[in-house]
Amino acid sequence: MLIAFFKRKRQIIQTAQSRYCYDAFNNHRCEMLVWQMYFSILPIGLGIMTLVASLIGLFAYLMSNDNATRLLGFNWFKRLIIVAFLLLSVGLFMTFGSFWG
């Protein structure tokens, strides 16, 4: 009974020492799995690609002489720039604890 108490106390101390563990009892060093790392980086890559697509919409807006094309290009620019900044924000939030924390 006393041995079980000390084992449980050691597990609680290890859990308190490891701040960002997803499983403190089975993985004491708290390493991220590869798919978890890719999943946290994915919104950053998608955000950069969406930012490039929004710049294409801005380029279409600036270079067009037709009002219908200018309006369409500006609407796509607005939509995609919002999505790009949302994806970049989520990606930086997800990777902050793993890479910069």
N, C-alpha and C. Protein backbone atom coordinates (compact mmCIF):
# COMPACT_ATOMS: atom_id res chain seq x y z
N MET A 1 0.82 -1.18 0.00
CA MET A 1 0.00 0.00 0.00
C MET A 1 0.87 1.25 0.00
N LEU A 2 1.93 1.24 0.78
CA LEU A 2 2.83 2.38 0.85
C LEU A 2 3.59 2.57 -0.47
N ILE A 3 3.94 1.47 -1.11
CA ILE A 3 4.64 1.54 -2.40
C ILE A 3 3.72 2.14 -3.46
N ALA A 4 2.45 1.75 -3.47
CA ALA A 4 1.50 2.31 -4.42
C ALA A 4 1.32 3.81 -4.20
N PHE A 5 1.33 4.23 -2.95
CA PHE A 5 1.22 5.65 -2.63
C PHE A 5 2.39 6.44 -3.22
N PHE A 6 3.61 5.93 -3.06
CA PHE A 6 4.78 6.65 -3.57
C PHE A 6 4.83 6.65 -5.10
N LYS A 7 4.36 5.55 -5.72
CA LYS A 7 4.30 5.54 -7.18
C LYS A 7 3.31 6.58 -7.69
N ARG A 8 2.17 6.67 -7.02
CA ARG A 8 1.16 7.66 -7.44
C ARG A 8 1.68 9.08 -7.21
N LYS A 9 2.38 9.29 -6.10
CA LYS A 9 2.94 10.62 -5.81
C LYS A 9 3.98 11.01 -6.86
N ARG A 10 4.79 10.04 -7.29
CA ARG A 10 5.78 10.31 -8.32
C ARG A 10 5.11 10.67 -9.65
N GLN A 11 4.01 10.00 -9.97
CA GLN A 11 3.29 10.32 -11.20
C GLN A 11 2.68 11.72 -11.14
N ILE A 12 2.18 12.11 -9.99
CA ILE A 12 1.60 13.45 -9.85
C ILE A 12 2.68 14.52 -10.00
N ILE A 13 3.85 14.28 -9.41
CA ILE A 13 4.95 15.24 -9.53
C ILE A 13 5.40 15.34 -10.98
N GLN A 14 5.50 14.21 -11.67
CA GLN A 14 5.91 14.25 -13.08
C GLN A 14 4.87 14.97 -13.93
N THR A 15 3.60 14.81 -13.60
CA THR A 15 2.55 15.51 -14.34
C THR A 15 2.65 17.01 -14.10
N ALA A 16 2.93 17.43 -12.89
CA ALA A 16 3.05 18.85 -12.59
C ALA A 16 4.29 19.46 -13.24
N GLN A 17 5.36 18.68 -13.36
CA GLN A 17 6.58 19.21 -13.96
C GLN A 17 6.47 19.34 -15.46
N SER A 18 5.71 18.49 -16.09
CA SER A 18 5.56 18.55 -17.54
C SER A 18 4.32 19.36 -17.86
N ARG A 19 4.49 20.58 -18.31
CA ARG A 19 3.39 21.52 -18.49
C ARG A 19 2.48 21.15 -19.64
N TYR A 20 3.03 20.76 -20.78
CA TYR A 20 2.22 20.59 -21.99
C TYR A 20 2.17 19.13 -22.43
N CYS A 21 2.09 18.21 -21.51
CA CYS A 21 2.04 16.79 -21.87
C CYS A 21 0.65 16.42 -22.35
N TYR A 22 0.59 15.61 -23.39
CA TYR A 22 -0.70 15.07 -23.78
C TYR A 22 -0.97 13.78 -23.04
N ASP A 23 0.06 13.11 -22.55
CA ASP A 23 -0.11 11.89 -21.76
C ASP A 23 1.09 11.77 -20.83
N ALA A 24 0.98 12.31 -19.64
CA ALA A 24 2.11 12.35 -18.72
C ALA A 24 2.41 10.99 -18.12
N PHE A 25 1.44 10.09 -18.07
CA PHE A 25 1.67 8.81 -17.41
C PHE A 25 2.37 7.82 -18.31
N ASN A 26 2.20 7.91 -19.62
CA ASN A 26 2.83 6.96 -20.53
C ASN A 26 4.03 7.52 -21.26
N ASN A 27 4.15 8.82 -21.36
CA ASN A 27 5.24 9.44 -22.09
C ASN A 27 5.81 10.55 -21.21
N HIS A 28 6.84 10.24 -20.47
CA HIS A 28 7.34 11.16 -19.46
C HIS A 28 8.13 12.32 -20.07
N ARG A 29 8.65 12.17 -21.29
CA ARG A 29 9.40 13.26 -21.90
C ARG A 29 8.51 14.19 -22.72
N CYS A 30 7.28 13.83 -22.92
CA CYS A 30 6.27 14.67 -23.59
C CYS A 30 6.67 15.07 -25.00
N GLU A 31 7.03 14.13 -25.81
CA GLU A 31 7.36 14.42 -27.20
C GLU A 31 6.08 14.40 -28.03
N MET A 32 6.03 15.30 -29.01
CA MET A 32 4.89 15.29 -29.93
C MET A 32 5.09 14.19 -30.97
N LEU A 33 4.01 13.57 -31.37
CA LEU A 33 4.09 12.63 -32.47
C LEU A 33 4.21 13.40 -33.78
N VAL A 34 4.67 12.72 -34.81
CA VAL A 34 4.91 13.39 -36.09
C VAL A 34 3.62 13.93 -36.67
N TRP A 35 2.53 13.18 -36.61
CA TRP A 35 1.28 13.65 -37.19
C TRP A 35 0.72 14.82 -36.40
N GLN A 36 1.00 14.89 -35.09
CA GLN A 36 0.55 16.04 -34.31
C GLN A 36 1.31 17.29 -34.70
N MET A 37 2.60 17.13 -34.99
CA MET A 37 3.40 18.27 -35.41
C MET A 37 2.94 18.76 -36.79
N TYR A 38 2.70 17.83 -37.70
CA TYR A 38 2.21 18.21 -39.02
C TYR A 38 0.85 18.88 -38.93
N PHE A 39 -0.02 18.36 -38.06
CA PHE A 39 -1.36 18.92 -37.90
C PHE A 39 -1.30 20.34 -37.34
N SER A 40 -0.30 20.62 -36.51
CA SER A 40 -0.21 21.97 -35.96
C SER A 40 0.44 22.95 -36.95
N ILE A 41 1.26 22.46 -37.87
CA ILE A 41 1.90 23.32 -38.86
C ILE A 41 1.00 23.54 -40.08
N LEU A 42 0.06 22.64 -40.33
CA LEU A 42 -0.78 22.70 -41.52
C LEU A 42 -1.52 24.03 -41.71
N PRO A 43 -2.13 24.63 -40.68
CA PRO A 43 -2.81 25.92 -40.91
C PRO A 43 -1.87 27.04 -41.35
N ILE A 44 -0.60 26.98 -40.98
CA ILE A 44 0.34 28.01 -41.42
C ILE A 44 0.57 27.90 -42.92
N GLY A 45 0.78 26.69 -43.41
CA GLY A 45 0.96 26.49 -44.85
C GLY A 45 -0.28 26.85 -45.65
N LEU A 46 -1.44 26.45 -45.15
CA LEU A 46 -2.68 26.81 -45.84
C LEU A 46 -2.91 28.32 -45.81
N GLY A 47 -2.53 28.97 -44.71
CA GLY A 47 -2.67 30.42 -44.61
C GLY A 47 -1.77 31.14 -45.59
N ILE A 48 -0.56 30.65 -45.77
CA ILE A 48 0.36 31.28 -46.74
C ILE A 48 -0.16 31.10 -48.16
N MET A 49 -0.68 29.91 -48.47
CA MET A 49 -1.23 29.71 -49.81
C MET A 49 -2.47 30.57 -50.04
N THR A 50 -3.30 30.73 -49.03
CA THR A 50 -4.48 31.58 -49.16
C THR A 50 -4.08 33.04 -49.29
N LEU A 51 -3.02 33.44 -48.61
CA LEU A 51 -2.51 34.81 -48.74
C LEU A 51 -2.03 35.08 -50.16
N VAL A 52 -1.38 34.13 -50.77
CA VAL A 52 -0.94 34.27 -52.17
C VAL A 52 -2.15 34.36 -53.09
N ALA A 53 -3.17 33.55 -52.84
CA ALA A 53 -4.38 33.61 -53.67
C ALA A 53 -5.09 34.95 -53.51
N SER A 54 -5.07 35.53 -52.31
CA SER A 54 -5.69 36.84 -52.13
C SER A 54 -4.90 37.92 -52.85
N LEU A 55 -3.60 37.76 -52.91
CA LEU A 55 -2.79 38.73 -53.67
C LEU A 55 -3.06 38.63 -55.17
N ILE A 56 -3.39 37.44 -55.64
CA ILE A 56 -3.80 37.30 -57.05
C ILE A 56 -5.10 38.05 -57.28
N GLY A 57 -6.05 37.97 -56.34
CA GLY A 57 -7.29 38.73 -56.45
C GLY A 57 -7.04 40.23 -56.42
N LEU A 58 -6.10 40.68 -55.58
CA LEU A 58 -5.74 42.10 -55.54
C LEU A 58 -5.10 42.54 -56.86
N PHE A 59 -4.28 41.69 -57.43
CA PHE A 59 -3.66 41.99 -58.72
C PHE A 59 -4.73 42.08 -59.82
N ALA A 60 -5.73 41.19 -59.78
CA ALA A 60 -6.83 41.26 -60.75
C ALA A 60 -7.62 42.55 -60.57
N TYR A 61 -7.82 42.99 -59.35
CA TYR A 61 -8.53 44.24 -59.07
C TYR A 61 -7.75 45.45 -59.60
N LEU A 62 -6.46 45.45 -59.38
CA LEU A 62 -5.65 46.62 -59.77
C LEU A 62 -5.41 46.71 -61.27
N MET A 63 -5.34 45.58 -61.96
CA MET A 63 -4.98 45.58 -63.37
C MET A 63 -6.16 45.57 -64.32
N SER A 64 -7.37 45.44 -63.83
CA SER A 64 -8.52 45.31 -64.71
C SER A 64 -9.11 46.67 -65.05
N ASN A 65 -9.63 46.78 -66.27
CA ASN A 65 -10.32 47.99 -66.70
C ASN A 65 -11.83 47.84 -66.62
N ASP A 66 -12.30 46.62 -66.59
CA ASP A 66 -13.74 46.34 -66.55
C ASP A 66 -14.22 46.40 -65.09
N ASN A 67 -15.33 47.12 -64.86
CA ASN A 67 -15.83 47.28 -63.49
C ASN A 67 -16.31 45.97 -62.89
N ALA A 68 -16.90 45.09 -63.70
CA ALA A 68 -17.38 43.80 -63.18
C ALA A 68 -16.20 42.94 -62.71
N THR A 69 -15.13 42.95 -63.49
CA THR A 69 -13.95 42.18 -63.10
C THR A 69 -13.27 42.79 -61.87
N ARG A 70 -13.25 44.12 -61.80
CA ARG A 70 -12.66 44.78 -60.62
C ARG A 70 -13.43 44.43 -59.36
N LEU A 71 -14.76 44.43 -59.43
CA LEU A 71 -15.57 44.10 -58.27
C LEU A 71 -15.37 42.65 -57.85
N LEU A 72 -15.32 41.75 -58.83
CA LEU A 72 -15.12 40.34 -58.53
C LEU A 72 -13.73 40.10 -57.91
N GLY A 73 -12.72 40.74 -58.47
CA GLY A 73 -11.37 40.60 -57.91
C GLY A 73 -11.26 41.14 -56.50
N PHE A 74 -11.90 42.28 -56.24
CA PHE A 74 -11.84 42.85 -54.89
C PHE A 74 -12.62 42.01 -53.88
N ASN A 75 -13.75 41.45 -54.31
CA ASN A 75 -14.52 40.58 -53.41
C ASN A 75 -13.72 39.33 -53.02
N TRP A 76 -13.03 38.71 -53.99
CA TRP A 76 -12.20 37.55 -53.68
C TRP A 76 -11.01 37.94 -52.81
N PHE A 77 -10.44 39.12 -53.05
CA PHE A 77 -9.34 39.59 -52.21
C PHE A 77 -9.80 39.72 -50.76
N LYS A 78 -10.95 40.34 -50.53
CA LYS A 78 -11.45 40.52 -49.16
C LYS A 78 -11.70 39.18 -48.47
N ARG A 79 -12.35 38.27 -49.18
CA ARG A 79 -12.66 36.98 -48.58
C ARG A 79 -11.39 36.20 -48.22
N LEU A 80 -10.48 36.15 -49.17
CA LEU A 80 -9.30 35.33 -48.96
C LEU A 80 -8.33 35.93 -47.96
N ILE A 81 -8.26 37.25 -47.86
CA ILE A 81 -7.35 37.86 -46.89
C ILE A 81 -7.83 37.58 -45.47
N ILE A 82 -9.15 37.56 -45.27
CA ILE A 82 -9.70 37.24 -43.95
C ILE A 82 -9.40 35.79 -43.59
N VAL A 83 -9.63 34.88 -44.53
CA VAL A 83 -9.36 33.47 -44.29
C VAL A 83 -7.88 33.23 -44.05
N ALA A 84 -7.02 33.94 -44.80
CA ALA A 84 -5.57 33.77 -44.62
C ALA A 84 -5.13 34.19 -43.23
N PHE A 85 -5.60 35.32 -42.75
CA PHE A 85 -5.19 35.76 -41.43
C PHE A 85 -5.78 34.88 -40.32
N LEU A 86 -6.97 34.35 -40.53
CA LEU A 86 -7.52 33.40 -39.56
C LEU A 86 -6.68 32.12 -39.49
N LEU A 87 -6.32 31.60 -40.67
CA LEU A 87 -5.51 30.38 -40.69
C LEU A 87 -4.13 30.62 -40.09
N LEU A 88 -3.52 31.75 -40.40
CA LEU A 88 -2.21 32.04 -39.83
C LEU A 88 -2.29 32.22 -38.32
N SER A 89 -3.34 32.84 -37.84
CA SER A 89 -3.50 33.02 -36.39
C SER A 89 -3.67 31.68 -35.69
N VAL A 90 -4.51 30.83 -36.25
CA VAL A 90 -4.73 29.51 -35.65
C VAL A 90 -3.44 28.69 -35.69
N GLY A 91 -2.74 28.74 -36.79
CA GLY A 91 -1.49 27.98 -36.91
C GLY A 91 -0.43 28.44 -35.94
N LEU A 92 -0.28 29.75 -35.80
CA LEU A 92 0.71 30.25 -34.84
C LEU A 92 0.31 29.93 -33.40
N PHE A 93 -0.98 29.97 -33.11
CA PHE A 93 -1.45 29.60 -31.77
C PHE A 93 -1.18 28.13 -31.48
N MET A 94 -1.40 27.26 -32.47
CA MET A 94 -1.20 25.83 -32.25
C MET A 94 0.27 25.47 -32.12
N THR A 95 1.14 26.17 -32.80
CA THR A 95 2.56 25.82 -32.76
C THR A 95 3.32 26.61 -31.70
N PHE A 96 2.70 27.56 -31.04
CA PHE A 96 3.44 28.39 -30.10
C PHE A 96 4.02 27.58 -28.94
N GLY A 97 3.25 26.72 -28.34
CA GLY A 97 3.74 25.94 -27.20
C GLY A 97 4.79 24.92 -27.57
N SER A 98 4.76 24.43 -28.81
CA SER A 98 5.69 23.38 -29.21
C SER A 98 7.03 23.93 -29.69
N PHE A 99 7.01 25.06 -30.37
CA PHE A 99 8.23 25.54 -31.00
C PHE A 99 8.80 26.78 -30.34
N TRP A 100 7.94 27.66 -29.82
CA TRP A 100 8.43 28.91 -29.25
C TRP A 100 8.19 29.01 -27.75
N GLY A 101 7.52 28.04 -27.15
CA GLY A 101 7.15 28.10 -25.74
C GLY A 101 8.29 27.75 -24.87
